[in-house]
């Protein structure tokens, strides 16, 4: 059986073979890239997220917001099957990438992660490996060996991550020589090099200083024309600044995270449909 999330061994082939996602012109006309349908997650039988349904739209930033323990990161990790690595985890419901159910047995989770990349809370470049090799690590993993393709991908990804100008003359330097903010941008470049459709970001600025945080936030606005972004953040000001839509999760009585509402960020912050959302975004709890 052909894997519906099959990878390719060159970036050009990848671009040619992937189904079109549309133009995404106009906020209200942007089409869903991913759909969550009644998604629930439990660990050792204990519910962590329950019954979440909403769409993630292309060329937008969607922020997952809510108090600690409401299931934001747990839900984020569903989107590229990170919970496959947790023996006690159980995921029910459906997550569609295009028309493909990502939890289908026909989908290789490793190849899925080439299309749905991940940037973690703490910068995690390979510290003893060069900046260049960090940038192309995903491509090498997917079998790309041609130097010209790797060079092209490294430059394109580092440019997109606003890092090229500062590292172009020291690509052979170990990634550990970069500042924290530069390391996080290198991680973003590494994810971008395989040309994912969706980029997941789990509190990507929480370990950074205000200057580095501002650079990452500016970068998100530039990147969303290239890749759909889903970000977890505890910072309401950040969510308001960087996202087009928000999904607000709240812990229910049984300590499972539930989706309270999902919608355009401007409306959710100014005129939400649920009073709990207004209380949360205005800092009355959480």
C-alpha atoms as a PDB file:
ATOM      1  CA  UNK A   1       0.000   0.000   0.000  1.00  0.00           C
ATOM      2  CA  UNK A   2       1.252   3.467  -0.915  1.00  0.00           C
ATOM      3  CA  UNK A   3       1.705   5.727   2.083  1.00  0.00           C
ATOM      4  CA  UNK A   4      -0.588   8.771   1.647  1.00  0.00           C
ATOM      5  CA  UNK A   5       1.962  10.887   3.524  1.00  0.00           C
ATOM      6  CA  UNK A   6       4.872   9.650   1.420  1.00  0.00           C
ATOM      7  CA  UNK A   7       8.066  11.719   1.495  1.00  0.00           C
ATOM      8  CA  UNK A   8      10.282  12.404  -1.505  1.00  0.00           C
ATOM      9  CA  UNK A   9      14.033  12.545  -1.879  1.00  0.00           C
ATOM     10  CA  UNK A  10      14.180  16.048  -3.260  1.00  0.00           C
ATOM     11  CA  UNK A  11      12.545  19.355  -2.412  1.00  0.00           C
ATOM     12  CA  UNK A  12      11.564  19.959  -6.028  1.00  0.00           C
ATOM     13  CA  UNK A  13       9.838  16.583  -6.224  1.00  0.00           C
ATOM     14  CA  UNK A  14       8.077  17.310  -2.972  1.00  0.00           C
ATOM     15  CA  UNK A  15       6.752  20.616  -4.260  1.00  0.00           C
ATOM     16  CA  UNK A  16       5.559  19.014  -7.508  1.00  0.00           C
ATOM     17  CA  UNK A  17       3.955  15.929  -5.994  1.00  0.00           C
ATOM     18  CA  UNK A  18       2.036  17.419  -3.066  1.00  0.00           C
ATOM     19  CA  UNK A  19      -1.643  18.188  -3.689  1.00  0.00           C
ATOM     20  CA  UNK A  20      -2.439  21.854  -3.971  1.00  0.00           C
ATOM     21  CA  UNK A  21      -3.777  23.522  -0.847  1.00  0.00           C
ATOM     22  CA  UNK A  22      -5.277  26.491  -2.677  1.00  0.00           C
ATOM     23  CA  UNK A  23      -4.318  30.139  -2.643  1.00  0.00           C
ATOM     24  CA  UNK A  24      -5.576  31.106   0.789  1.00  0.00           C
ATOM     25  CA  UNK A  25      -6.514  34.548  -0.507  1.00  0.00           C
ATOM     26  CA  UNK A  26      -8.652  36.431   1.957  1.00  0.00           C
ATOM     27  CA  UNK A  27      -8.999  35.679   5.633  1.00  0.00           C
ATOM     28  CA  UNK A  28     -12.569  34.423   5.493  1.00  0.00           C
ATOM     29  CA  UNK A  29     -11.922  32.335   2.369  1.00  0.00           C
ATOM     30  CA  UNK A  30      -8.860  30.525   3.656  1.00  0.00           C
ATOM     31  CA  UNK A  31      -9.410  26.789   3.550  1.00  0.00           C
ATOM     32  CA  UNK A  32      -8.759  24.286   6.309  1.00  0.00           C
ATOM     33  CA  UNK A  33      -5.446  22.444   6.124  1.00  0.00           C
ATOM     34  CA  UNK A  34      -6.252  20.261   9.129  1.00  0.00           C
ATOM     35  CA  UNK A  35      -9.554  19.283  10.744  1.00  0.00           C
ATOM     36  CA  UNK A  36      -9.943  18.002  14.280  1.00  0.00           C
ATOM     37  CA  UNK A  37     -13.115  15.989  14.808  1.00  0.00           C
ATOM     38  CA  UNK A  38     -14.079  14.987  18.358  1.00  0.00           C
ATOM     39  CA  UNK A  39     -10.451  14.479  19.395  1.00  0.00           C
ATOM     40  CA  UNK A  40      -9.845  13.063  22.870  1.00  0.00           C
ATOM     41  CA  UNK A  41      -6.608  12.050  24.567  1.00  0.00           C
ATOM     42  CA  UNK A  42      -6.086   9.965  27.666  1.00  0.00           C
ATOM     43  CA  UNK A  43      -3.081   8.634  29.544  1.00  0.00           C
ATOM     44  CA  UNK A  44      -3.425   5.310  31.377  1.00  0.00           C
ATOM     45  CA  UNK A  45      -7.186   5.703  31.082  1.00  0.00           C
ATOM     46  CA  UNK A  46      -7.289   9.214  32.562  1.00  0.00           C
ATOM     47  CA  UNK A  47      -8.735  11.862  30.233  1.00  0.00           C
ATOM     48  CA  UNK A  48      -6.438  14.787  29.368  1.00  0.00           C
ATOM     49  CA  UNK A  49      -8.344  16.316  26.417  1.00  0.00           C
ATOM     50  CA  UNK A  50     -11.938  15.592  25.509  1.00  0.00           C
ATOM     51  CA  UNK A  51     -14.107  16.093  22.426  1.00  0.00           C
ATOM     52  CA  UNK A  52     -12.174  18.837  20.605  1.00  0.00           C
ATOM     53  CA  UNK A  53     -13.434  19.859  17.156  1.00  0.00           C
ATOM     54  CA  UNK A  54     -12.165  22.769  15.071  1.00  0.00           C
ATOM     55  CA  UNK A  55     -10.390  23.579  11.785  1.00  0.00           C
ATOM     56  CA  UNK A  56      -6.862  24.892  11.240  1.00  0.00           C
ATOM     57  CA  UNK A  57      -6.771  27.240   8.261  1.00  0.00           C
ATOM     58  CA  UNK A  58      -3.970  27.603   5.748  1.00  0.00           C
ATOM     59  CA  UNK A  59      -1.620  30.601   5.760  1.00  0.00           C
ATOM     60  CA  UNK A  60      -2.740  31.568   9.251  1.00  0.00           C
ATOM     61  CA  UNK A  61      -1.408  31.368  12.779  1.00  0.00           C
ATOM     62  CA  UNK A  62      -3.718  29.512  15.144  1.00  0.00           C
ATOM     63  CA  UNK A  63      -2.973  29.955  18.853  1.00  0.00           C
ATOM     64  CA  UNK A  64      -3.944  27.371  21.443  1.00  0.00           C
ATOM     65  CA  UNK A  65      -4.601  29.291  24.649  1.00  0.00           C
ATOM     66  CA  UNK A  66      -5.780  28.396  28.133  1.00  0.00           C
ATOM     67  CA  UNK A  67      -4.536  27.940  31.701  1.00  0.00           C
ATOM     68  CA  UNK A  68      -1.809  25.473  32.627  1.00  0.00           C
ATOM     69  CA  UNK A  69      -3.126  21.925  32.572  1.00  0.00           C
ATOM     70  CA  UNK A  70      -5.910  22.629  30.075  1.00  0.00           C
ATOM     71  CA  UNK A  71      -4.413  20.313  27.453  1.00  0.00           C
ATOM     72  CA  UNK A  72      -2.852  22.728  24.977  1.00  0.00           C
ATOM     73  CA  UNK A  73       0.451  20.906  24.503  1.00  0.00           C
ATOM     74  CA  UNK A  74      -1.275  17.529  24.706  1.00  0.00           C
ATOM     75  CA  UNK A  75      -3.550  18.581  21.841  1.00  0.00           C
ATOM     76  CA  UNK A  76      -0.673  20.062  19.842  1.00  0.00           C
ATOM     77  CA  UNK A  77       1.208  16.759  20.001  1.00  0.00           C
ATOM     78  CA  UNK A  78      -1.790  14.939  18.547  1.00  0.00           C
ATOM     79  CA  UNK A  79      -1.323  16.833  15.291  1.00  0.00           C
ATOM     80  CA  UNK A  80       1.850  14.976  14.312  1.00  0.00           C
ATOM     81  CA  UNK A  81       1.325  11.830  16.357  1.00  0.00           C
ATOM     82  CA  UNK A  82       3.904  12.572  19.034  1.00  0.00           C
ATOM     83  CA  UNK A  83       1.782  10.522  21.428  1.00  0.00           C
ATOM     84  CA  UNK A  84       2.685   7.417  19.458  1.00  0.00           C
ATOM     85  CA  UNK A  85       5.875   7.452  21.513  1.00  0.00           C
ATOM     86  CA  UNK A  86       3.952   7.289  24.833  1.00  0.00           C
ATOM     87  CA  UNK A  87       2.938   3.744  25.761  1.00  0.00           C
ATOM     88  CA  UNK A  88       0.017   4.793  28.002  1.00  0.00           C
ATOM     89  CA  UNK A  89      -1.439   7.343  25.570  1.00  0.00           C
ATOM     90  CA  UNK A  90      -4.695   6.802  23.709  1.00  0.00           C
ATOM     91  CA  UNK A  91      -6.050   9.147  21.032  1.00  0.00           C
ATOM     92  CA  UNK A  92      -9.590   8.903  19.670  1.00  0.00           C
ATOM     93  CA  UNK A  93     -11.495  10.973  17.162  1.00  0.00           C
ATOM     94  CA  UNK A  94     -10.132  12.049  13.817  1.00  0.00           C
ATOM     95  CA  UNK A  95      -7.437  14.452  12.592  1.00  0.00           C
ATOM     96  CA  UNK A  96      -7.455  15.112   8.860  1.00  0.00           C
ATOM     97  CA  UNK A  97      -4.522  16.553   6.926  1.00  0.00           C
ATOM     98  CA  UNK A  98      -6.242  17.440   3.699  1.00  0.00           C
ATOM     99  CA  UNK A  99      -8.365  14.351   3.122  1.00  0.00           C
ATOM    100  CA  UNK A 100      -6.021  11.972   4.960  1.00  0.00           C
ATOM    101  CA  UNK A 101      -6.729  10.673   8.446  1.00  0.00           C
ATOM    102  CA  UNK A 102      -3.290  10.994  10.033  1.00  0.00           C
ATOM    103  CA  UNK A 103      -4.013   8.146  12.469  1.00  0.00           C
ATOM    104  CA  UNK A 104      -4.722   5.705   9.666  1.00  0.00           C
ATOM    105  CA  UNK A 105      -2.541   2.585   9.742  1.00  0.00           C
ATOM    106  CA  UNK A 106      -1.508   3.484   6.181  1.00  0.00           C
ATOM    107  CA  UNK A 107       0.225   6.667   7.392  1.00  0.00           C
ATOM    108  CA  UNK A 108       3.876   6.467   8.433  1.00  0.00           C
ATOM    109  CA  UNK A 109       4.225   8.842  11.426  1.00  0.00           C
ATOM    110  CA  UNK A 110       7.847   9.603  10.537  1.00  0.00           C
ATOM    111  CA  UNK A 111       6.840  10.802   7.092  1.00  0.00           C
ATOM    112  CA  UNK A 112       3.865  12.662   8.555  1.00  0.00           C
ATOM    113  CA  UNK A 113       6.308  14.693  10.644  1.00  0.00           C
ATOM    114  CA  UNK A 114       7.940  15.920   7.453  1.00  0.00           C
ATOM    115  CA  UNK A 115       4.627  17.532   6.553  1.00  0.00           C
ATOM    116  CA  UNK A 116       3.693  18.603  10.088  1.00  0.00           C
ATOM    117  CA  UNK A 117       6.901  19.874  11.712  1.00  0.00           C
ATOM    118  CA  UNK A 118       7.512  20.718  15.364  1.00  0.00           C
ATOM    119  CA  UNK A 119       9.451  23.394  17.253  1.00  0.00           C
ATOM    120  CA  UNK A 120       9.716  22.834  20.992  1.00  0.00           C
ATOM    121  CA  UNK A 121       9.710  25.122  24.016  1.00  0.00           C
ATOM    122  CA  UNK A 122      13.450  24.788  24.616  1.00  0.00           C
ATOM    123  CA  UNK A 123      15.723  25.266  21.584  1.00  0.00           C
ATOM    124  CA  UNK A 124      17.046  21.811  20.729  1.00  0.00           C
ATOM    125  CA  UNK A 125      19.584  22.000  17.906  1.00  0.00           C
ATOM    126  CA  UNK A 126      22.153  19.226  17.717  1.00  0.00           C
ATOM    127  CA  UNK A 127      24.804  21.131  19.717  1.00  0.00           C
ATOM    128  CA  UNK A 128      27.991  19.492  18.429  1.00  0.00           C
ATOM    129  CA  UNK A 129      26.746  19.531  14.829  1.00  0.00           C
ATOM    130  CA  UNK A 130      27.329  22.455  12.492  1.00  0.00           C
ATOM    131  CA  UNK A 131      24.737  25.094  11.710  1.00  0.00           C
ATOM    132  CA  UNK A 132      24.573  23.786   8.140  1.00  0.00           C
ATOM    133  CA  UNK A 133      24.076  20.151   9.175  1.00  0.00           C
ATOM    134  CA  UNK A 134      21.368  21.192  11.626  1.00  0.00           C
ATOM    135  CA  UNK A 135      19.532  23.011   8.862  1.00  0.00           C
ATOM    136  CA  UNK A 136      19.559  20.018   6.500  1.00  0.00           C
ATOM    137  CA  UNK A 137      19.159  17.257   9.093  1.00  0.00           C
ATOM    138  CA  UNK A 138      15.553  16.528   8.137  1.00  0.00           C
ATOM    139  CA  UNK A 139      16.384  16.345   4.460  1.00  0.00           C
ATOM    140  CA  UNK A 140      19.261  13.950   5.087  1.00  0.00           C
ATOM    141  CA  UNK A 141      16.936  11.819   7.217  1.00  0.00           C
ATOM    142  CA  UNK A 142      14.506  11.700   4.290  1.00  0.00           C
ATOM    143  CA  UNK A 143      17.271  10.500   1.986  1.00  0.00           C
ATOM    144  CA  UNK A 144      18.294  13.697   0.205  1.00  0.00           C
ATOM    145  CA  UNK A 145      22.031  13.507  -0.582  1.00  0.00           C
ATOM    146  CA  UNK A 146      22.553  15.810  -3.554  1.00  0.00           C
ATOM    147  CA  UNK A 147      24.724  18.672  -2.341  1.00  0.00           C
ATOM    148  CA  UNK A 148      23.152  21.329  -4.546  1.00  0.00           C
ATOM    149  CA  UNK A 149      19.683  20.506  -3.170  1.00  0.00           C
ATOM    150  CA  UNK A 150      20.971  20.551   0.400  1.00  0.00           C
ATOM    151  CA  UNK A 151      22.738  23.879  -0.149  1.00  0.00           C
ATOM    152  CA  UNK A 152      19.627  25.397  -1.698  1.00  0.00           C
ATOM    153  CA  UNK A 153      17.429  24.110   1.116  1.00  0.00           C
ATOM    154  CA  UNK A 154      19.791  25.304   3.851  1.00  0.00           C
ATOM    155  CA  UNK A 155      19.998  28.821   2.464  1.00  0.00           C
ATOM    156  CA  UNK A 156      16.252  29.046   1.809  1.00  0.00           C
ATOM    157  CA  UNK A 157      15.356  27.809   5.291  1.00  0.00           C
ATOM    158  CA  UNK A 158      17.908  30.017   7.058  1.00  0.00           C
ATOM    159  CA  UNK A 159      16.703  33.040   5.092  1.00  0.00           C
ATOM    160  CA  UNK A 160      13.106  32.213   6.006  1.00  0.00           C
ATOM    161  CA  UNK A 161      14.113  31.912   9.665  1.00  0.00           C
ATOM    162  CA  UNK A 162      15.831  35.332   9.549  1.00  0.00           C
ATOM    163  CA  UNK A 163      19.173  33.737  10.353  1.00  0.00           C
ATOM    164  CA  UNK A 164      21.052  33.629   7.038  1.00  0.00           C
ATOM    165  CA  UNK A 165      22.688  37.054   7.224  1.00  0.00           C
ATOM    166  CA  UNK A 166      24.241  36.343  10.619  1.00  0.00           C
ATOM    167  CA  UNK A 167      25.458  32.786   9.907  1.00  0.00           C
ATOM    168  CA  UNK A 168      26.226  32.640   6.192  1.00  0.00           C
ATOM    169  CA  UNK A 169      29.974  32.959   6.844  1.00  0.00           C
ATOM    170  CA  UNK A 170      30.073  30.437   9.688  1.00  0.00           C
ATOM    171  CA  UNK A 171      27.903  27.545   8.561  1.00  0.00           C
ATOM    172  CA  UNK A 172      30.509  25.045   9.775  1.00  0.00           C
ATOM    173  CA  UNK A 173      30.421  26.429  13.332  1.00  0.00           C
ATOM    174  CA  UNK A 174      28.712  24.180  15.925  1.00  0.00           C
ATOM    175  CA  UNK A 175      25.136  25.190  16.704  1.00  0.00           C
ATOM    176  CA  UNK A 176      26.093  25.475  20.373  1.00  0.00           C
ATOM    177  CA  UNK A 177      27.946  28.698  19.519  1.00  0.00           C
ATOM    178  CA  UNK A 178      24.676  30.477  18.732  1.00  0.00           C
ATOM    179  CA  UNK A 179      22.651  32.497  21.216  1.00  0.00           C
ATOM    180  CA  UNK A 180      19.395  31.077  22.594  1.00  0.00           C
ATOM    181  CA  UNK A 181      17.295  33.076  20.165  1.00  0.00           C
ATOM    182  CA  UNK A 182      19.491  32.075  17.230  1.00  0.00           C
ATOM    183  CA  UNK A 183      19.291  28.437  18.269  1.00  0.00           C
ATOM    184  CA  UNK A 184      15.495  28.630  18.262  1.00  0.00           C
ATOM    185  CA  UNK A 185      15.524  30.202  14.805  1.00  0.00           C
ATOM    186  CA  UNK A 186      17.868  27.422  13.672  1.00  0.00           C
ATOM    187  CA  UNK A 187      15.319  24.890  14.937  1.00  0.00           C
ATOM    188  CA  UNK A 188      12.663  26.721  12.917  1.00  0.00           C
ATOM    189  CA  UNK A 189      14.936  26.605   9.864  1.00  0.00           C
ATOM    190  CA  UNK A 190      15.510  22.874  10.369  1.00  0.00           C
ATOM    191  CA  UNK A 191      11.760  22.317  10.374  1.00  0.00           C
ATOM    192  CA  UNK A 192      11.211  24.559   7.340  1.00  0.00           C
ATOM    193  CA  UNK A 193      13.882  22.880   5.209  1.00  0.00           C
ATOM    194  CA  UNK A 194      11.639  19.880   4.482  1.00  0.00           C
ATOM    195  CA  UNK A 195       8.869  22.254   3.383  1.00  0.00           C
ATOM    196  CA  UNK A 196       6.110  21.209   5.800  1.00  0.00           C
ATOM    197  CA  UNK A 197       2.510  22.236   5.301  1.00  0.00           C
ATOM    198  CA  UNK A 198       2.000  22.869   9.016  1.00  0.00           C
ATOM    199  CA  UNK A 199       4.475  23.980  11.697  1.00  0.00           C
ATOM    200  CA  UNK A 200       3.643  23.272  15.343  1.00  0.00           C
ATOM    201  CA  UNK A 201       5.275  25.510  17.952  1.00  0.00           C
ATOM    202  CA  UNK A 202       5.082  24.738  21.673  1.00  0.00           C
ATOM    203  CA  UNK A 203       5.698  28.007  23.532  1.00  0.00           C
ATOM    204  CA  UNK A 204       8.673  28.774  21.284  1.00  0.00           C
ATOM    205  CA  UNK A 205       9.602  32.034  23.047  1.00  0.00           C
ATOM    206  CA  UNK A 206       9.123  31.081  26.702  1.00  0.00           C
ATOM    207  CA  UNK A 207      12.860  30.457  27.202  1.00  0.00           C
ATOM    208  CA  UNK A 208      13.945  33.582  25.328  1.00  0.00           C
ATOM    209  CA  UNK A 209      14.639  37.170  26.342  1.00  0.00           C
ATOM    210  CA  UNK A 210      12.338  40.003  25.153  1.00  0.00           C
ATOM    211  CA  UNK A 211      14.548  40.922  22.188  1.00  0.00           C
ATOM    212  CA  UNK A 212      14.695  37.347  20.886  1.00  0.00           C
ATOM    213  CA  UNK A 213      10.966  36.965  21.563  1.00  0.00           C
ATOM    214  CA  UNK A 214      10.178  40.002  19.428  1.00  0.00           C
ATOM    215  CA  UNK A 215      12.260  38.591  16.564  1.00  0.00           C
ATOM    216  CA  UNK A 216      10.427  35.267  16.700  1.00  0.00           C
ATOM    217  CA  UNK A 217       7.054  37.010  16.778  1.00  0.00           C
ATOM    218  CA  UNK A 218       7.981  39.104  13.750  1.00  0.00           C
ATOM    219  CA  UNK A 219       9.144  35.929  12.043  1.00  0.00           C
ATOM    220  CA  UNK A 220       5.775  34.249  12.554  1.00  0.00           C
ATOM    221  CA  UNK A 221       4.055  37.008  10.626  1.00  0.00           C
ATOM    222  CA  UNK A 222       6.430  36.478   7.721  1.00  0.00           C
ATOM    223  CA  UNK A 223       6.313  32.686   7.797  1.00  0.00           C
ATOM    224  CA  UNK A 224       2.558  32.208   7.635  1.00  0.00           C
ATOM    225  CA  UNK A 225       2.590  32.917   3.890  1.00  0.00           C
ATOM    226  CA  UNK A 226       4.895  29.911   3.591  1.00  0.00           C
ATOM    227  CA  UNK A 227       3.531  27.503   6.199  1.00  0.00           C
ATOM    228  CA  UNK A 228       0.428  27.208   8.367  1.00  0.00           C
ATOM    229  CA  UNK A 229       1.368  27.659  12.038  1.00  0.00           C
ATOM    230  CA  UNK A 230      -0.181  26.340  15.249  1.00  0.00           C
ATOM    231  CA  UNK A 231       1.334  27.833  18.394  1.00  0.00           C
ATOM    232  CA  UNK A 232       0.796  27.115  22.090  1.00  0.00           C
ATOM    233  CA  UNK A 233       1.238  30.204  24.242  1.00  0.00           C
ATOM    234  CA  UNK A 234       0.415  31.244  27.800  1.00  0.00           C
ATOM    235  CA  UNK A 235       0.993  34.886  26.869  1.00  0.00           C
ATOM    236  CA  UNK A 236      -2.284  36.549  25.942  1.00  0.00           C
ATOM    237  CA  UNK A 237      -0.557  39.613  24.541  1.00  0.00           C
ATOM    238  CA  UNK A 238       1.504  37.357  22.314  1.00  0.00           C
ATOM    239  CA  UNK A 239      -1.567  35.448  21.145  1.00  0.00           C
ATOM    240  CA  UNK A 240      -3.271  38.742  20.295  1.00  0.00           C
ATOM    241  CA  UNK A 241      -0.197  39.974  18.402  1.00  0.00           C
ATOM    242  CA  UNK A 242       0.679  36.929  16.328  1.00  0.00           C
ATOM    243  CA  UNK A 243      -2.446  34.831  15.739  1.00  0.00           C
ATOM    244  CA  UNK A 244      -5.287  35.011  13.258  1.00  0.00           C
ATOM    245  CA  UNK A 245      -7.473  32.558  15.169  1.00  0.00           C
ATOM    246  CA  UNK A 246      -7.469  31.184  18.705  1.00  0.00           C
ATOM    247  CA  UNK A 247      -8.732  28.007  20.308  1.00  0.00           C
ATOM    248  CA  UNK A 248      -9.428  28.447  24.021  1.00  0.00           C
ATOM    249  CA  UNK A 249      -9.190  25.309  26.177  1.00  0.00           C
ATOM    250  CA  UNK A 250     -10.227  25.013  29.794  1.00  0.00           C
ATOM    251  CA  UNK A 251      -9.948  22.198  32.308  1.00  0.00           C
ATOM    252  CA  UNK A 252     -13.291  20.599  33.095  1.00  0.00           C
ATOM    253  CA  UNK A 253     -14.347  19.177  36.460  1.00  0.00           C
ATOM    254  CA  UNK A 254     -12.772  15.813  35.631  1.00  0.00           C
ATOM    255  CA  UNK A 255      -9.495  17.603  34.760  1.00  0.00           C
ATOM    256  CA  UNK A 256      -9.833  16.955  31.032  1.00  0.00           C
ATOM    257  CA  UNK A 257      -9.213  19.876  28.702  1.00  0.00           C
ATOM    258  CA  UNK A 258     -12.256  20.985  26.704  1.00  0.00           C
ATOM    259  CA  UNK A 259     -12.560  23.454  23.847  1.00  0.00           C
ATOM    260  CA  UNK A 260     -14.599  26.424  25.073  1.00  0.00           C
ATOM    261  CA  UNK A 261     -14.519  28.315  21.806  1.00  0.00           C
ATOM    262  CA  UNK A 262     -12.574  28.809  18.600  1.00  0.00           C
ATOM    263  CA  UNK A 263     -12.645  31.799  16.300  1.00  0.00           C
ATOM    264  CA  UNK A 264     -10.992  34.870  14.879  1.00  0.00           C
ATOM    265  CA  UNK A 265      -8.566  36.337  17.387  1.00  0.00           C
ATOM    266  CA  UNK A 266      -9.928  39.873  17.227  1.00  0.00           C
ATOM    267  CA  UNK A 267     -13.469  38.709  17.971  1.00  0.00           C
ATOM    268  CA  UNK A 268     -12.431  36.178  20.597  1.00  0.00           C
ATOM    269  CA  UNK A 269     -10.540  38.865  22.520  1.00  0.00           C
ATOM    270  CA  UNK A 270     -13.172  41.588  22.195  1.00  0.00           C
ATOM    271  CA  UNK A 271     -16.529  39.835  21.880  1.00  0.00           C
ATOM    272  CA  UNK A 272     -16.284  36.115  22.720  1.00  0.00           C
ATOM    273  CA  UNK A 273     -19.365  33.922  22.840  1.00  0.00           C
ATOM    274  CA  UNK A 274     -18.522  32.489  26.284  1.00  0.00           C
ATOM    275  CA  UNK A 275     -18.021  34.648  29.387  1.00  0.00           C
ATOM    276  CA  UNK A 276     -15.220  32.342  30.565  1.00  0.00           C
ATOM    277  CA  UNK A 277     -13.209  33.291  27.491  1.00  0.00           C
ATOM    278  CA  UNK A 278     -13.583  36.986  28.240  1.00  0.00           C
ATOM    279  CA  UNK A 279     -12.559  36.413  31.856  1.00  0.00           C
ATOM    280  CA  UNK A 280      -9.465  34.483  30.790  1.00  0.00           C
ATOM    281  CA  UNK A 281      -8.201  36.870  28.118  1.00  0.00           C
ATOM    282  CA  UNK A 282      -8.723  39.780  30.526  1.00  0.00           C
ATOM    283  CA  UNK A 283      -6.615  38.051  33.177  1.00  0.00           C
ATOM    284  CA  UNK A 284      -9.377  37.366  35.694  1.00  0.00           C
ATOM    285  CA  UNK A 285      -8.111  33.806  36.136  1.00  0.00           C
ATOM    286  CA  UNK A 286      -5.409  31.464  34.838  1.00  0.00           C
END
